[in-house]
Amino acid sequence: MSPVGVLLLGYVVAAPFFVYGLLSFSRIPAETWTYSTDYRAAWFWGMLAAYACFGIPSILVVFVWLRSETRAQLSEELRQQRVEERELRAASRRLERDTQEGSSTQK
């Protein structure tokens, strides 16, 4: 196999890992990174640069991302934010329902 073929094979083999890593990364909104000690851009550009280096290094970077403490903390924070949002929506619906019931009984 030619050297160009080997390089292209590296990109092809690494592509699913790279895409999965980017999808995992993109599930965490930018607002969640606000109080993180890591930089969102550094992780993104690190993944992109690793893929640009003939693909194979991106497999390692994606595994590091998936196992990182940063990702675990951000995912937990995102989960907590979503729980809080659900609780606020539920409380808002209860308040709205109680207000409607109170106004209908006064008539």
C-alpha atoms as a PDB file:
ATOM      1  CA  MET A   1       0.000   0.000   0.000  1.00  0.00           C
ATOM      2  CA  SER A   2       1.306   3.442  -0.875  1.00  0.00           C
ATOM      3  CA  PRO A   3       2.063   6.055   1.801  1.00  0.00           C
ATOM      4  CA  VAL A   4      -0.877   8.144   0.587  1.00  0.00           C
ATOM      5  CA  GLY A   5      -3.138   5.115   0.940  1.00  0.00           C
ATOM      6  CA  VAL A   6      -1.936   4.571   4.502  1.00  0.00           C
ATOM      7  CA  LEU A   7      -2.630   8.218   5.346  1.00  0.00           C
ATOM      8  CA  LEU A   8      -6.097   8.059   3.832  1.00  0.00           C
ATOM      9  CA  LEU A   9      -6.753   4.824   5.701  1.00  0.00           C
ATOM     10  CA  GLY A  10      -5.860   6.644   8.934  1.00  0.00           C
ATOM     11  CA  TYR A  11      -8.472   9.292   8.213  1.00  0.00           C
ATOM     12  CA  VAL A  12     -11.105   6.700   7.324  1.00  0.00           C
ATOM     13  CA  VAL A  13     -10.438   4.573  10.410  1.00  0.00           C
ATOM     14  CA  ALA A  14     -10.414   7.584  12.736  1.00  0.00           C
ATOM     15  CA  ALA A  15     -13.470   9.330  11.248  1.00  0.00           C
ATOM     16  CA  PRO A  16     -16.121   7.511  13.351  1.00  0.00           C
ATOM     17  CA  PHE A  17     -14.167   8.169  16.552  1.00  0.00           C
ATOM     18  CA  PHE A  18     -13.682  11.805  15.610  1.00  0.00           C
ATOM     19  CA  VAL A  19     -17.377  12.303  14.831  1.00  0.00           C
ATOM     20  CA  TYR A  20     -18.427  10.567  18.049  1.00  0.00           C
ATOM     21  CA  GLY A  21     -16.030  12.744  20.040  1.00  0.00           C
ATOM     22  CA  LEU A  22     -17.387  15.917  18.443  1.00  0.00           C
ATOM     23  CA  LEU A  23     -20.975  14.827  19.084  1.00  0.00           C
ATOM     24  CA  SER A  24     -20.153  14.109  22.718  1.00  0.00           C
ATOM     25  CA  PHE A  25     -18.405  17.465  22.961  1.00  0.00           C
ATOM     26  CA  SER A  26     -21.256  19.369  21.306  1.00  0.00           C
ATOM     27  CA  ARG A  27     -23.856  17.967  23.726  1.00  0.00           C
ATOM     28  CA  ILE A  28     -22.426  20.238  26.414  1.00  0.00           C
ATOM     29  CA  PRO A  29     -23.612  23.813  25.750  1.00  0.00           C
ATOM     30  CA  ALA A  30     -21.152  26.691  25.892  1.00  0.00           C
ATOM     31  CA  GLU A  31     -22.924  28.144  28.951  1.00  0.00           C
ATOM     32  CA  THR A  32     -22.068  25.024  30.928  1.00  0.00           C
ATOM     33  CA  TRP A  33     -18.354  25.646  30.309  1.00  0.00           C
ATOM     34  CA  THR A  34     -18.557  29.109  31.920  1.00  0.00           C
ATOM     35  CA  TYR A  35     -17.184  28.083  35.307  1.00  0.00           C
ATOM     36  CA  SER A  36     -14.964  25.248  34.095  1.00  0.00           C
ATOM     37  CA  THR A  37     -11.230  25.457  34.642  1.00  0.00           C
ATOM     38  CA  ASP A  38     -10.690  24.024  31.143  1.00  0.00           C
ATOM     39  CA  TYR A  39     -11.215  25.892  27.919  1.00  0.00           C
ATOM     40  CA  ARG A  40     -13.830  24.706  25.464  1.00  0.00           C
ATOM     41  CA  ALA A  41     -11.833  25.966  22.495  1.00  0.00           C
ATOM     42  CA  ALA A  42      -8.743  24.046  23.621  1.00  0.00           C
ATOM     43  CA  TRP A  43     -10.626  20.754  23.614  1.00  0.00           C
ATOM     44  CA  PHE A  44     -12.274  21.504  20.279  1.00  0.00           C
ATOM     45  CA  TRP A  45      -9.096  22.588  18.516  1.00  0.00           C
ATOM     46  CA  GLY A  46      -7.208  19.700  20.128  1.00  0.00           C
ATOM     47  CA  MET A  47      -9.654  17.208  18.623  1.00  0.00           C
ATOM     48  CA  LEU A  48      -9.516  18.945  15.271  1.00  0.00           C
ATOM     49  CA  ALA A  49      -5.711  19.153  15.230  1.00  0.00           C
ATOM     50  CA  ALA A  50      -5.392  15.498  16.215  1.00  0.00           C
ATOM     51  CA  TYR A  51      -7.650  14.508  13.319  1.00  0.00           C
ATOM     52  CA  ALA A  52      -5.714  16.775  10.956  1.00  0.00           C
ATOM     53  CA  CYS A  53      -2.542  14.859  11.911  1.00  0.00           C
ATOM     54  CA  PHE A  54      -3.539  11.909   9.726  1.00  0.00           C
ATOM     55  CA  GLY A  55      -6.537  10.882  11.797  1.00  0.00           C
ATOM     56  CA  ILE A  56      -5.164   8.217  14.115  1.00  0.00           C
ATOM     57  CA  PRO A  57      -4.145  10.593  16.973  1.00  0.00           C
ATOM     58  CA  SER A  58      -7.753  11.755  17.196  1.00  0.00           C
ATOM     59  CA  ILE A  59      -8.739   8.295  18.465  1.00  0.00           C
ATOM     60  CA  LEU A  60      -6.513   8.848  21.487  1.00  0.00           C
ATOM     61  CA  VAL A  61      -7.809  12.405  22.022  1.00  0.00           C
ATOM     62  CA  VAL A  62     -11.428  11.220  21.867  1.00  0.00           C
ATOM     63  CA  PHE A  63     -10.743   8.485  24.424  1.00  0.00           C
ATOM     64  CA  VAL A  64      -9.031  11.032  26.679  1.00  0.00           C
ATOM     65  CA  TRP A  65     -12.063  13.341  26.311  1.00  0.00           C
ATOM     66  CA  LEU A  66     -14.539  10.563  27.065  1.00  0.00           C
ATOM     67  CA  ARG A  67     -12.631   9.557  30.205  1.00  0.00           C
ATOM     68  CA  SER A  68     -11.736  13.088  31.342  1.00  0.00           C
ATOM     69  CA  GLU A  69     -12.732  14.579  34.662  1.00  0.00           C
ATOM     70  CA  THR A  70     -13.713  17.750  32.791  1.00  0.00           C
ATOM     71  CA  ARG A  71     -16.324  15.909  30.738  1.00  0.00           C
ATOM     72  CA  ALA A  72     -17.644  14.103  33.813  1.00  0.00           C
ATOM     73  CA  GLN A  73     -18.015  17.350  35.761  1.00  0.00           C
ATOM     74  CA  LEU A  74     -19.600  19.222  32.865  1.00  0.00           C
ATOM     75  CA  SER A  75     -22.021  16.380  32.168  1.00  0.00           C
ATOM     76  CA  GLU A  76     -23.040  16.288  35.826  1.00  0.00           C
ATOM     77  CA  GLU A  77     -23.519  20.053  35.873  1.00  0.00           C
ATOM     78  CA  LEU A  78     -25.607  19.866  32.696  1.00  0.00           C
ATOM     79  CA  ARG A  79     -27.732  17.100  34.230  1.00  0.00           C
ATOM     80  CA  GLN A  80     -28.313  19.247  37.338  1.00  0.00           C
ATOM     81  CA  GLN A  81     -29.242  22.262  35.200  1.00  0.00           C
ATOM     82  CA  ARG A  82     -31.804  20.196  33.320  1.00  0.00           C
ATOM     83  CA  VAL A  83     -33.295  18.849  36.559  1.00  0.00           C
ATOM     84  CA  GLU A  84     -33.592  22.392  37.908  1.00  0.00           C
ATOM     85  CA  GLU A  85     -35.226  23.570  34.669  1.00  0.00           C
ATOM     86  CA  ARG A  86     -37.770  20.716  34.834  1.00  0.00           C
ATOM     87  CA  GLU A  87     -38.548  21.558  38.462  1.00  0.00           C
ATOM     88  CA  LEU A  88     -39.017  25.234  37.597  1.00  0.00           C
ATOM     89  CA  ARG A  89     -41.345  24.392  34.700  1.00  0.00           C
ATOM     90  CA  ALA A  90     -43.357  22.051  36.927  1.00  0.00           C
ATOM     91  CA  ALA A  91     -43.614  24.712  39.642  1.00  0.00           C
ATOM     92  CA  SER A  92     -44.648  27.284  37.048  1.00  0.00           C
ATOM     93  CA  ARG A  93     -47.378  24.984  35.701  1.00  0.00           C
ATOM     94  CA  ARG A  94     -48.633  24.289  39.249  1.00  0.00           C
ATOM     95  CA  LEU A  95     -48.716  28.004  40.024  1.00  0.00           C
ATOM     96  CA  GLU A  96     -50.539  28.740  36.779  1.00  0.00           C
ATOM     97  CA  ARG A  97     -53.035  25.945  37.426  1.00  0.00           C
ATOM     98  CA  ASP A  98     -53.608  27.095  41.016  1.00  0.00           C
ATOM     99  CA  THR A  99     -54.076  30.678  39.843  1.00  0.00           C
ATOM    100  CA  GLN A 100     -56.612  29.600  37.226  1.00  0.00           C
ATOM    101  CA  GLU A 101     -58.475  27.442  39.734  1.00  0.00           C
ATOM    102  CA  GLY A 102     -58.527  30.299  42.235  1.00  0.00           C
ATOM    103  CA  SER A 103     -59.881  32.791  39.703  1.00  0.00           C
ATOM    104  CA  SER A 104     -62.560  30.362  38.476  1.00  0.00           C
ATOM    105  CA  THR A 105     -63.834  29.714  42.026  1.00  0.00           C
ATOM    106  CA  GLN A 106     -64.091  33.460  42.725  1.00  0.00           C
ATOM    107  CA  LYS A 107     -66.481  34.041  39.807  1.00  0.00           C
END
